[in-house]
């Protein structure tokens, strides 16, 4: 008899989790459904939420020429907060999408549709994560606290975007890149033009990588009526992705120039712009390798955006120590 491959994995593992991840193999059994709900077995989302925070902090410290112990705490606090808020956001996403997830091959193994966690348990878990993250936020300055609280609005709206717009990836970009504003303000205490441009650059970057990600589900999304840029662009994807790539690089360069030119340190500016250049080449490599008909290829390239984002982080850091 042929086994029914539509049934969830009896071990509870999620289909698109990293093979050999610590949640499925080392975490206590009672905690695994909750950690899977937070995507702890798929850390790429935490990186993509955290990296803009680090951009904001490091661009701000580069613009002032000052990186202190408190800035190191901001970066660490953002890392812990990104893990927690990504978990809370994913929990919220799975609560709102539980009916859709059960109809999509890649997502039906998630904890709620597979029956590992009930909705009430998920709501409590979401609240606990958000509460701890709020405690970390309270260690930042008042302006950063306000920006952090306002960030909850796009997070709350994002799961519904795919129901009413073909551009849910733009809503994800609005939510995921908020840290660029937060990181800058946590250092400087005020919002200025460079972090706003950096934020828009991050949104363009998200449109690039999350469109690639969305190509994994185009067939299932079409069947259940879920919208995405992947479905919208169809066979014209490369033209649109090239546009997002160019916007990303151009806006990163403008944000960097606006932030660092007043510092009047040519070497710092050149090194930081080198990060923009190398990040652009990484995105160009992704576009060359992209096969929208291969879910495995799309997932691999999507995950590689951790490295793309960290390139700019590395160059910003180096620019301040030379």
C-alpha atoms as a PDB file:
ATOM      1  CA  UNK A   1       0.000   0.000   0.000  1.00  0.00           C
ATOM      2  CA  UNK A   2       1.320   3.477  -0.890  1.00  0.00           C
ATOM      3  CA  UNK A   3       1.658   5.720   2.164  1.00  0.00           C
ATOM      4  CA  UNK A   4      -0.439   8.878   2.364  1.00  0.00           C
ATOM      5  CA  UNK A   5       2.109  11.648   1.905  1.00  0.00           C
ATOM      6  CA  UNK A   6      -0.525  14.293   2.671  1.00  0.00           C
ATOM      7  CA  UNK A   7      -0.438  13.404   6.371  1.00  0.00           C
ATOM      8  CA  UNK A   8       1.759  15.511   8.663  1.00  0.00           C
ATOM      9  CA  UNK A   9       5.124  14.132   9.706  1.00  0.00           C
ATOM     10  CA  UNK A  10       4.434  12.018  12.832  1.00  0.00           C
ATOM     11  CA  UNK A  11       7.526  13.547  14.472  1.00  0.00           C
ATOM     12  CA  UNK A  12       5.986  16.995  14.130  1.00  0.00           C
ATOM     13  CA  UNK A  13       8.793  18.331  11.945  1.00  0.00           C
ATOM     14  CA  UNK A  14       7.831  21.144   9.586  1.00  0.00           C
ATOM     15  CA  UNK A  15       8.449  20.460   5.904  1.00  0.00           C
ATOM     16  CA  UNK A  16      10.635  23.477   5.122  1.00  0.00           C
ATOM     17  CA  UNK A  17      12.692  23.411   8.332  1.00  0.00           C
ATOM     18  CA  UNK A  18      16.478  23.138   8.160  1.00  0.00           C
ATOM     19  CA  UNK A  19      17.626  19.535   8.182  1.00  0.00           C
ATOM     20  CA  UNK A  20      19.269  18.648  11.502  1.00  0.00           C
ATOM     21  CA  UNK A  21      17.986  21.802  13.202  1.00  0.00           C
ATOM     22  CA  UNK A  22      18.349  22.050  16.993  1.00  0.00           C
ATOM     23  CA  UNK A  23      14.596  22.277  17.666  1.00  0.00           C
ATOM     24  CA  UNK A  24      13.790  18.846  16.231  1.00  0.00           C
ATOM     25  CA  UNK A  25      16.853  17.148  17.710  1.00  0.00           C
ATOM     26  CA  UNK A  26      17.882  18.904  20.941  1.00  0.00           C
ATOM     27  CA  UNK A  27      15.013  20.949  22.345  1.00  0.00           C
ATOM     28  CA  UNK A  28      12.842  19.358  25.072  1.00  0.00           C
ATOM     29  CA  UNK A  29       9.900  17.532  23.492  1.00  0.00           C
ATOM     30  CA  UNK A  30       7.280  19.697  25.240  1.00  0.00           C
ATOM     31  CA  UNK A  31       8.812  22.888  23.792  1.00  0.00           C
ATOM     32  CA  UNK A  32       9.138  21.805  20.176  1.00  0.00           C
ATOM     33  CA  UNK A  33       5.633  22.733  18.942  1.00  0.00           C
ATOM     34  CA  UNK A  34       6.035  26.246  20.364  1.00  0.00           C
ATOM     35  CA  UNK A  35       9.530  26.702  18.979  1.00  0.00           C
ATOM     36  CA  UNK A  36       8.299  25.505  15.590  1.00  0.00           C
ATOM     37  CA  UNK A  37       5.468  28.034  15.866  1.00  0.00           C
ATOM     38  CA  UNK A  38       8.142  30.710  16.385  1.00  0.00           C
ATOM     39  CA  UNK A  39      10.110  29.356  13.370  1.00  0.00           C
ATOM     40  CA  UNK A  40      13.113  28.623  15.600  1.00  0.00           C
ATOM     41  CA  UNK A  41      13.781  25.676  13.286  1.00  0.00           C
ATOM     42  CA  UNK A  42      13.929  28.139  10.362  1.00  0.00           C
ATOM     43  CA  UNK A  43      16.181  30.989  11.565  1.00  0.00           C
ATOM     44  CA  UNK A  44      16.424  32.876   8.264  1.00  0.00           C
ATOM     45  CA  UNK A  45      13.449  35.069   9.195  1.00  0.00           C
ATOM     46  CA  UNK A  46      15.135  36.171  12.414  1.00  0.00           C
ATOM     47  CA  UNK A  47      18.201  37.182  10.446  1.00  0.00           C
ATOM     48  CA  UNK A  48      16.120  39.136   7.932  1.00  0.00           C
ATOM     49  CA  UNK A  49      14.393  40.986  10.778  1.00  0.00           C
ATOM     50  CA  UNK A  50      17.620  41.610  12.695  1.00  0.00           C
ATOM     51  CA  UNK A  51      19.920  42.726   9.878  1.00  0.00           C
ATOM     52  CA  UNK A  52      18.110  46.059   9.204  1.00  0.00           C
ATOM     53  CA  UNK A  53      18.419  46.854  12.939  1.00  0.00           C
ATOM     54  CA  UNK A  54      22.177  46.402  12.691  1.00  0.00           C
ATOM     55  CA  UNK A  55      22.275  48.522   9.530  1.00  0.00           C
ATOM     56  CA  UNK A  56      20.530  51.324  11.389  1.00  0.00           C
ATOM     57  CA  UNK A  57      22.808  51.163  14.435  1.00  0.00           C
ATOM     58  CA  UNK A  58      26.052  50.928  12.472  1.00  0.00           C
ATOM     59  CA  UNK A  59      25.135  53.609   9.941  1.00  0.00           C
ATOM     60  CA  UNK A  60      24.256  55.887  12.855  1.00  0.00           C
ATOM     61  CA  UNK A  61      27.506  55.209  14.708  1.00  0.00           C
ATOM     62  CA  UNK A  62      29.468  55.672  11.495  1.00  0.00           C
ATOM     63  CA  UNK A  63      27.745  59.029  10.939  1.00  0.00           C
ATOM     64  CA  UNK A  64      28.697  60.257  14.418  1.00  0.00           C
ATOM     65  CA  UNK A  65      32.089  58.568  14.607  1.00  0.00           C
ATOM     66  CA  UNK A  66      31.158  57.082  17.979  1.00  0.00           C
ATOM     67  CA  UNK A  67      30.512  53.430  18.863  1.00  0.00           C
ATOM     68  CA  UNK A  68      30.245  52.797  22.596  1.00  0.00           C
ATOM     69  CA  UNK A  69      29.309  50.076  25.031  1.00  0.00           C
ATOM     70  CA  UNK A  70      25.649  51.108  24.902  1.00  0.00           C
ATOM     71  CA  UNK A  71      25.670  50.653  21.127  1.00  0.00           C
ATOM     72  CA  UNK A  72      26.943  47.119  21.653  1.00  0.00           C
ATOM     73  CA  UNK A  73      23.947  46.566  23.943  1.00  0.00           C
ATOM     74  CA  UNK A  74      21.608  48.014  21.311  1.00  0.00           C
ATOM     75  CA  UNK A  75      22.914  45.454  18.810  1.00  0.00           C
ATOM     76  CA  UNK A  76      22.603  42.600  21.307  1.00  0.00           C
ATOM     77  CA  UNK A  77      19.174  43.773  22.458  1.00  0.00           C
ATOM     78  CA  UNK A  78      18.035  43.968  18.844  1.00  0.00           C
ATOM     79  CA  UNK A  79      19.248  40.390  18.296  1.00  0.00           C
ATOM     80  CA  UNK A  80      17.276  39.045  21.246  1.00  0.00           C
ATOM     81  CA  UNK A  81      14.286  41.223  20.392  1.00  0.00           C
ATOM     82  CA  UNK A  82      14.347  40.135  16.734  1.00  0.00           C
ATOM     83  CA  UNK A  83      14.244  36.477  17.791  1.00  0.00           C
ATOM     84  CA  UNK A  84      11.326  37.135  20.116  1.00  0.00           C
ATOM     85  CA  UNK A  85       9.332  39.447  17.831  1.00  0.00           C
ATOM     86  CA  UNK A  86       9.905  37.270  14.803  1.00  0.00           C
ATOM     87  CA  UNK A  87       8.517  34.418  16.917  1.00  0.00           C
ATOM     88  CA  UNK A  88       5.547  36.492  18.048  1.00  0.00           C
ATOM     89  CA  UNK A  89       4.913  37.703  14.494  1.00  0.00           C
ATOM     90  CA  UNK A  90       5.088  34.189  13.058  1.00  0.00           C
ATOM     91  CA  UNK A  91       2.733  32.962  15.769  1.00  0.00           C
ATOM     92  CA  UNK A  92       0.285  35.731  14.850  1.00  0.00           C
ATOM     93  CA  UNK A  93       0.699  34.880  11.165  1.00  0.00           C
ATOM     94  CA  UNK A  94      -0.052  31.195  11.805  1.00  0.00           C
ATOM     95  CA  UNK A  95      -3.108  32.038  13.927  1.00  0.00           C
ATOM     96  CA  UNK A  96      -4.599  34.195  11.166  1.00  0.00           C
ATOM     97  CA  UNK A  97      -3.544  31.838   8.343  1.00  0.00           C
ATOM     98  CA  UNK A  98      -4.462  28.536   9.966  1.00  0.00           C
ATOM     99  CA  UNK A  99      -7.187  27.748   7.403  1.00  0.00           C
ATOM    100  CA  UNK A 100      -4.983  28.673   4.434  1.00  0.00           C
ATOM    101  CA  UNK A 101      -1.965  26.787   5.793  1.00  0.00           C
ATOM    102  CA  UNK A 102      -3.908  23.540   5.917  1.00  0.00           C
ATOM    103  CA  UNK A 103      -4.482  23.778   2.148  1.00  0.00           C
ATOM    104  CA  UNK A 104      -0.880  24.480   1.095  1.00  0.00           C
ATOM    105  CA  UNK A 105       1.581  21.594   0.731  1.00  0.00           C
ATOM    106  CA  UNK A 106       4.533  23.472   2.239  1.00  0.00           C
ATOM    107  CA  UNK A 107       2.634  24.822   5.275  1.00  0.00           C
ATOM    108  CA  UNK A 108       0.173  22.100   6.276  1.00  0.00           C
ATOM    109  CA  UNK A 109       2.792  20.600   8.618  1.00  0.00           C
ATOM    110  CA  UNK A 110       2.972  23.781  10.727  1.00  0.00           C
ATOM    111  CA  UNK A 111       1.980  23.367  14.394  1.00  0.00           C
ATOM    112  CA  UNK A 112      -1.561  24.787  14.250  1.00  0.00           C
ATOM    113  CA  UNK A 113      -2.920  23.099  11.080  1.00  0.00           C
ATOM    114  CA  UNK A 114      -1.185  19.834  12.052  1.00  0.00           C
ATOM    115  CA  UNK A 115      -2.793  19.932  15.504  1.00  0.00           C
ATOM    116  CA  UNK A 116       0.365  20.262  17.600  1.00  0.00           C
ATOM    117  CA  UNK A 117      -0.784  23.559  19.153  1.00  0.00           C
ATOM    118  CA  UNK A 118      -4.264  24.978  19.716  1.00  0.00           C
ATOM    119  CA  UNK A 119      -5.215  28.578  18.940  1.00  0.00           C
ATOM    120  CA  UNK A 120      -5.584  29.517  22.619  1.00  0.00           C
ATOM    121  CA  UNK A 121      -2.128  28.128  23.412  1.00  0.00           C
ATOM    122  CA  UNK A 122      -0.704  30.007  20.429  1.00  0.00           C
ATOM    123  CA  UNK A 123      -2.193  33.319  21.608  1.00  0.00           C
ATOM    124  CA  UNK A 124      -0.641  32.885  25.062  1.00  0.00           C
ATOM    125  CA  UNK A 125       2.721  31.994  23.533  1.00  0.00           C
ATOM    126  CA  UNK A 126       2.568  35.048  21.262  1.00  0.00           C
ATOM    127  CA  UNK A 127       1.829  37.304  24.240  1.00  0.00           C
ATOM    128  CA  UNK A 128       4.721  35.937  26.294  1.00  0.00           C
ATOM    129  CA  UNK A 129       7.220  36.529  23.493  1.00  0.00           C
ATOM    130  CA  UNK A 130       5.974  40.060  22.868  1.00  0.00           C
ATOM    131  CA  UNK A 131       6.071  40.884  26.584  1.00  0.00           C
ATOM    132  CA  UNK A 132       9.724  39.883  26.982  1.00  0.00           C
ATOM    133  CA  UNK A 133      10.633  41.791  23.810  1.00  0.00           C
ATOM    134  CA  UNK A 134       8.886  44.880  25.217  1.00  0.00           C
ATOM    135  CA  UNK A 135      11.018  44.600  28.340  1.00  0.00           C
ATOM    136  CA  UNK A 136      14.154  44.800  26.180  1.00  0.00           C
ATOM    137  CA  UNK A 137      12.730  47.751  24.246  1.00  0.00           C
ATOM    138  CA  UNK A 138      12.296  49.665  27.523  1.00  0.00           C
ATOM    139  CA  UNK A 139      16.090  49.761  27.914  1.00  0.00           C
ATOM    140  CA  UNK A 140      16.339  52.008  24.815  1.00  0.00           C
ATOM    141  CA  UNK A 141      15.691  55.755  24.665  1.00  0.00           C
ATOM    142  CA  UNK A 142      12.162  57.177  24.561  1.00  0.00           C
ATOM    143  CA  UNK A 143      12.127  57.857  20.820  1.00  0.00           C
ATOM    144  CA  UNK A 144      13.211  54.276  20.084  1.00  0.00           C
ATOM    145  CA  UNK A 145      10.527  52.924  22.425  1.00  0.00           C
ATOM    146  CA  UNK A 146       7.849  54.884  20.541  1.00  0.00           C
ATOM    147  CA  UNK A 147       9.129  53.650  17.164  1.00  0.00           C
ATOM    148  CA  UNK A 148       9.222  50.090  18.502  1.00  0.00           C
ATOM    149  CA  UNK A 149       5.610  50.279  19.657  1.00  0.00           C
ATOM    150  CA  UNK A 150       4.438  51.735  16.335  1.00  0.00           C
ATOM    151  CA  UNK A 151       6.107  48.769  14.601  1.00  0.00           C
ATOM    152  CA  UNK A 152       3.310  46.565  15.913  1.00  0.00           C
ATOM    153  CA  UNK A 153       0.876  48.085  13.401  1.00  0.00           C
ATOM    154  CA  UNK A 154       2.495  46.740  10.183  1.00  0.00           C
ATOM    155  CA  UNK A 155       3.168  43.437  11.963  1.00  0.00           C
ATOM    156  CA  UNK A 156      -0.535  43.118  12.779  1.00  0.00           C
ATOM    157  CA  UNK A 157      -1.643  44.005   9.241  1.00  0.00           C
ATOM    158  CA  UNK A 158       0.821  41.899   7.242  1.00  0.00           C
ATOM    159  CA  UNK A 159      -0.899  38.463   7.515  1.00  0.00           C
ATOM    160  CA  UNK A 160      -4.048  39.918   5.948  1.00  0.00           C
ATOM    161  CA  UNK A 161      -2.275  41.655   3.046  1.00  0.00           C
ATOM    162  CA  UNK A 162      -2.318  38.595   0.806  1.00  0.00           C
ATOM    163  CA  UNK A 163      -6.123  38.676   0.977  1.00  0.00           C
ATOM    164  CA  UNK A 164      -6.594  42.183  -0.443  1.00  0.00           C
ATOM    165  CA  UNK A 165      -3.473  43.093  -2.476  1.00  0.00           C
ATOM    166  CA  UNK A 166      -1.132  41.561  -5.008  1.00  0.00           C
ATOM    167  CA  UNK A 167       1.730  43.208  -3.103  1.00  0.00           C
ATOM    168  CA  UNK A 168       1.878  41.468   0.312  1.00  0.00           C
ATOM    169  CA  UNK A 169       5.673  41.418  -0.084  1.00  0.00           C
ATOM    170  CA  UNK A 170       5.624  45.217   0.219  1.00  0.00           C
ATOM    171  CA  UNK A 171       3.759  44.927   3.516  1.00  0.00           C
ATOM    172  CA  UNK A 172       6.340  42.416   4.714  1.00  0.00           C
ATOM    173  CA  UNK A 173       9.057  44.884   3.776  1.00  0.00           C
ATOM    174  CA  UNK A 174       7.355  47.642   5.761  1.00  0.00           C
ATOM    175  CA  UNK A 175       7.251  45.390   8.825  1.00  0.00           C
ATOM    176  CA  UNK A 176      10.610  43.622   8.518  1.00  0.00           C
ATOM    177  CA  UNK A 177      12.767  46.681   7.868  1.00  0.00           C
ATOM    178  CA  UNK A 178      11.388  48.832  10.693  1.00  0.00           C
ATOM    179  CA  UNK A 179      14.565  48.020  12.607  1.00  0.00           C
ATOM    180  CA  UNK A 180      16.538  50.342  10.296  1.00  0.00           C
ATOM    181  CA  UNK A 181      14.625  53.243  11.856  1.00  0.00           C
ATOM    182  CA  UNK A 182      14.774  51.778  15.351  1.00  0.00           C
ATOM    183  CA  UNK A 183      18.512  51.117  15.286  1.00  0.00           C
ATOM    184  CA  UNK A 184      19.355  54.627  14.101  1.00  0.00           C
ATOM    185  CA  UNK A 185      17.071  56.315  16.653  1.00  0.00           C
ATOM    186  CA  UNK A 186      18.310  54.103  19.491  1.00  0.00           C
ATOM    187  CA  UNK A 187      21.782  55.610  18.921  1.00  0.00           C
ATOM    188  CA  UNK A 188      20.966  59.199  17.937  1.00  0.00           C
ATOM    189  CA  UNK A 189      17.637  59.820  19.711  1.00  0.00           C
ATOM    190  CA  UNK A 190      16.029  61.313  16.599  1.00  0.00           C
ATOM    191  CA  UNK A 191      14.849  60.270  13.149  1.00  0.00           C
ATOM    192  CA  UNK A 192      16.625  61.774  10.143  1.00  0.00           C
ATOM    193  CA  UNK A 193      16.643  61.356   6.361  1.00  0.00           C
ATOM    194  CA  UNK A 194      19.410  58.697   6.011  1.00  0.00           C
ATOM    195  CA  UNK A 195      17.579  55.996   8.026  1.00  0.00           C
ATOM    196  CA  UNK A 196      14.353  56.715   6.151  1.00  0.00           C
ATOM    197  CA  UNK A 197      16.146  56.129   2.835  1.00  0.00           C
ATOM    198  CA  UNK A 198      17.799  53.048   4.356  1.00  0.00           C
ATOM    199  CA  UNK A 199      14.348  51.803   5.376  1.00  0.00           C
ATOM    200  CA  UNK A 200      12.980  52.211   1.840  1.00  0.00           C
ATOM    201  CA  UNK A 201      16.074  50.422   0.496  1.00  0.00           C
ATOM    202  CA  UNK A 202      15.264  47.534   2.833  1.00  0.00           C
ATOM    203  CA  UNK A 203      11.716  47.397   1.503  1.00  0.00           C
ATOM    204  CA  UNK A 204      13.073  47.122  -2.053  1.00  0.00           C
ATOM    205  CA  UNK A 205      15.377  44.329  -0.867  1.00  0.00           C
ATOM    206  CA  UNK A 206      12.432  42.514   0.727  1.00  0.00           C
ATOM    207  CA  UNK A 207      10.448  42.769  -2.504  1.00  0.00           C
ATOM    208  CA  UNK A 208      13.404  41.066  -4.188  1.00  0.00           C
ATOM    209  CA  UNK A 209      13.924  38.180  -1.770  1.00  0.00           C
ATOM    210  CA  UNK A 210      10.319  37.546  -0.771  1.00  0.00           C
ATOM    211  CA  UNK A 211       9.130  37.412  -4.370  1.00  0.00           C
ATOM    212  CA  UNK A 212      11.706  34.651  -4.876  1.00  0.00           C
ATOM    213  CA  UNK A 213      10.346  32.944  -1.747  1.00  0.00           C
ATOM    214  CA  UNK A 214       6.734  33.242  -2.956  1.00  0.00           C
ATOM    215  CA  UNK A 215       7.464  31.282  -6.133  1.00  0.00           C
ATOM    216  CA  UNK A 216       7.462  28.131  -3.992  1.00  0.00           C
ATOM    217  CA  UNK A 217       3.697  28.375  -3.489  1.00  0.00           C
ATOM    218  CA  UNK A 218       2.302  29.860  -6.698  1.00  0.00           C
ATOM    219  CA  UNK A 219       0.250  26.802  -7.650  1.00  0.00           C
ATOM    220  CA  UNK A 220      -1.315  26.351  -4.213  1.00  0.00           C
ATOM    221  CA  UNK A 221      -1.834  30.106  -3.848  1.00  0.00           C
ATOM    222  CA  UNK A 222      -3.713  30.203  -7.151  1.00  0.00           C
ATOM    223  CA  UNK A 223      -5.991  27.372  -6.024  1.00  0.00           C
ATOM    224  CA  UNK A 224      -6.949  29.016  -2.720  1.00  0.00           C
ATOM    225  CA  UNK A 225      -6.989  32.610  -3.967  1.00  0.00           C
ATOM    226  CA  UNK A 226      -3.941  33.964  -2.090  1.00  0.00           C
ATOM    227  CA  UNK A 227      -2.220  36.894  -3.820  1.00  0.00           C
ATOM    228  CA  UNK A 228       1.526  37.517  -4.169  1.00  0.00           C
ATOM    229  CA  UNK A 229       3.998  39.387  -6.349  1.00  0.00           C
ATOM    230  CA  UNK A 230       5.164  36.012  -7.683  1.00  0.00           C
ATOM    231  CA  UNK A 231       1.691  35.338  -9.061  1.00  0.00           C
ATOM    232  CA  UNK A 232       1.365  38.925 -10.264  1.00  0.00           C
ATOM    233  CA  UNK A 233       4.668  38.967 -12.159  1.00  0.00           C
ATOM    234  CA  UNK A 234       4.468  35.435 -13.542  1.00  0.00           C
ATOM    235  CA  UNK A 235       6.931  34.992 -16.398  1.00  0.00           C
ATOM    236  CA  UNK A 236       8.004  38.653 -16.130  1.00  0.00           C
ATOM    237  CA  UNK A 237       9.672  38.004 -12.785  1.00  0.00           C
ATOM    238  CA  UNK A 238      13.234  38.689 -13.901  1.00  0.00           C
ATOM    239  CA  UNK A 239      12.377  42.172 -15.155  1.00  0.00           C
ATOM    240  CA  UNK A 240      10.751  43.065 -11.839  1.00  0.00           C
ATOM    241  CA  UNK A 241      13.456  41.457  -9.722  1.00  0.00           C
ATOM    242  CA  UNK A 242      16.116  43.357 -11.659  1.00  0.00           C
ATOM    243  CA  UNK A 243      14.220  46.573 -10.919  1.00  0.00           C
ATOM    244  CA  UNK A 244      14.081  45.760  -7.197  1.00  0.00           C
ATOM    245  CA  UNK A 245      17.796  44.929  -7.261  1.00  0.00           C
ATOM    246  CA  UNK A 246      18.697  48.270  -8.824  1.00  0.00           C
ATOM    247  CA  UNK A 247      16.457  50.177  -6.411  1.00  0.00           C
ATOM    248  CA  UNK A 248      18.013  48.360  -3.470  1.00  0.00           C
ATOM    249  CA  UNK A 249      21.573  49.211  -4.473  1.00  0.00           C
ATOM    250  CA  UNK A 250      20.793  52.804  -5.442  1.00  0.00           C
ATOM    251  CA  UNK A 251      18.898  53.567  -2.239  1.00  0.00           C
ATOM    252  CA  UNK A 252      21.540  51.940  -0.027  1.00  0.00           C
ATOM    253  CA  UNK A 253      24.176  54.072  -1.718  1.00  0.00           C
ATOM    254  CA  UNK A 254      22.151  57.277  -1.267  1.00  0.00           C
ATOM    255  CA  UNK A 255      21.451  56.519   2.414  1.00  0.00           C
ATOM    256  CA  UNK A 256      25.145  55.835   3.006  1.00  0.00           C
ATOM    257  CA  UNK A 257      26.267  59.019   1.253  1.00  0.00           C
ATOM    258  CA  UNK A 258      23.749  61.201   3.083  1.00  0.00           C
ATOM    259  CA  UNK A 259      24.782  59.690   6.431  1.00  0.00           C
ATOM    260  CA  UNK A 260      28.560  59.759   6.007  1.00  0.00           C
ATOM    261  CA  UNK A 261      29.427  62.772   3.844  1.00  0.00           C
ATOM    262  CA  UNK A 262      28.984  65.196   6.797  1.00  0.00           C
ATOM    263  CA  UNK A 263      31.599  63.141   8.693  1.00  0.00           C
ATOM    264  CA  UNK A 264      34.153  64.197   6.060  1.00  0.00           C
ATOM    265  CA  UNK A 265      36.016  60.864   6.281  1.00  0.00           C
ATOM    266  CA  UNK A 266      36.594  59.632   2.745  1.00  0.00           C
ATOM    267  CA  UNK A 267      37.929  56.208   3.762  1.00  0.00           C
ATOM    268  CA  UNK A 268      34.877  55.456   5.923  1.00  0.00           C
ATOM    269  CA  UNK A 269      32.572  56.406   3.055  1.00  0.00           C
ATOM    270  CA  UNK A 270      34.468  54.345   0.464  1.00  0.00           C
ATOM    271  CA  UNK A 271      34.477  51.216   2.636  1.00  0.00           C
ATOM    272  CA  UNK A 272      30.768  51.549   3.447  1.00  0.00           C
ATOM    273  CA  UNK A 273      29.921  52.006  -0.231  1.00  0.00           C
ATOM    274  CA  UNK A 274      32.021  48.920  -0.939  1.00  0.00           C
ATOM    275  CA  UNK A 275      29.519  47.002   1.170  1.00  0.00           C
ATOM    276  CA  UNK A 276      26.688  48.283  -1.008  1.00  0.00           C
ATOM    277  CA  UNK A 277      28.582  47.231  -4.131  1.00  0.00           C
ATOM    278  CA  UNK A 278      29.305  43.694  -2.896  1.00  0.00           C
ATOM    279  CA  UNK A 279      25.737  43.258  -1.654  1.00  0.00           C
ATOM    280  CA  UNK A 280      24.517  44.266  -5.120  1.00  0.00           C
ATOM    281  CA  UNK A 281      26.728  41.610  -6.708  1.00  0.00           C
ATOM    282  CA  UNK A 282      25.317  39.014  -4.330  1.00  0.00           C
ATOM    283  CA  UNK A 283      21.771  39.896  -5.418  1.00  0.00           C
ATOM    284  CA  UNK A 284      22.847  39.783  -9.063  1.00  0.00           C
ATOM    285  CA  UNK A 285      24.249  36.284  -8.448  1.00  0.00           C
ATOM    286  CA  UNK A 286      20.879  35.226  -7.005  1.00  0.00           C
ATOM    287  CA  UNK A 287      19.083  36.535 -10.069  1.00  0.00           C
ATOM    288  CA  UNK A 288      21.402  34.610 -12.395  1.00  0.00           C
ATOM    289  CA  UNK A 289      20.856  31.381 -10.457  1.00  0.00           C
ATOM    290  CA  UNK A 290      17.087  31.748 -10.056  1.00  0.00           C
ATOM    291  CA  UNK A 291      14.802  29.005 -11.373  1.00  0.00           C
ATOM    292  CA  UNK A 292      11.235  29.986 -10.536  1.00  0.00           C
ATOM    293  CA  UNK A 293      10.003  26.501 -11.443  1.00  0.00           C
ATOM    294  CA  UNK A 294      12.136  24.896  -8.710  1.00  0.00           C
ATOM    295  CA  UNK A 295      10.896  25.362  -5.114  1.00  0.00           C
ATOM    296  CA  UNK A 296      14.216  24.016  -3.820  1.00  0.00           C
ATOM    297  CA  UNK A 297      16.145  26.613  -5.815  1.00  0.00           C
ATOM    298  CA  UNK A 298      13.863  29.434  -4.642  1.00  0.00           C
ATOM    299  CA  UNK A 299      14.205  28.424  -0.990  1.00  0.00           C
ATOM    300  CA  UNK A 300      18.006  28.154  -1.247  1.00  0.00           C
ATOM    301  CA  UNK A 301      18.333  31.595  -2.844  1.00  0.00           C
ATOM    302  CA  UNK A 302      15.885  33.138  -0.379  1.00  0.00           C
ATOM    303  CA  UNK A 303      17.961  31.837   2.527  1.00  0.00           C
ATOM    304  CA  UNK A 304      21.137  33.237   0.970  1.00  0.00           C
ATOM    305  CA  UNK A 305      19.856  36.749   1.683  1.00  0.00           C
ATOM    306  CA  UNK A 306      21.180  36.420   5.220  1.00  0.00           C
ATOM    307  CA  UNK A 307      24.650  36.590   3.709  1.00  0.00           C
ATOM    308  CA  UNK A 308      23.647  39.412   1.353  1.00  0.00           C
ATOM    309  CA  UNK A 309      22.428  41.553   4.245  1.00  0.00           C
ATOM    310  CA  UNK A 310      25.421  40.743   6.455  1.00  0.00           C
ATOM    311  CA  UNK A 311      27.808  41.965   3.749  1.00  0.00           C
ATOM    312  CA  UNK A 312      26.661  45.550   4.366  1.00  0.00           C
ATOM    313  CA  UNK A 313      26.804  44.996   8.144  1.00  0.00           C
ATOM    314  CA  UNK A 314      30.417  43.803   7.869  1.00  0.00           C
ATOM    315  CA  UNK A 315      31.544  46.708   5.724  1.00  0.00           C
ATOM    316  CA  UNK A 316      29.840  49.272   7.979  1.00  0.00           C
ATOM    317  CA  UNK A 317      31.598  47.729  10.971  1.00  0.00           C
ATOM    318  CA  UNK A 318      34.999  47.697   9.252  1.00  0.00           C
ATOM    319  CA  UNK A 319      34.566  51.297   8.078  1.00  0.00           C
ATOM    320  CA  UNK A 320      34.613  52.415  11.721  1.00  0.00           C
ATOM    321  CA  UNK A 321      37.772  50.634  12.818  1.00  0.00           C
ATOM    322  CA  UNK A 322      40.167  51.456   9.999  1.00  0.00           C
END
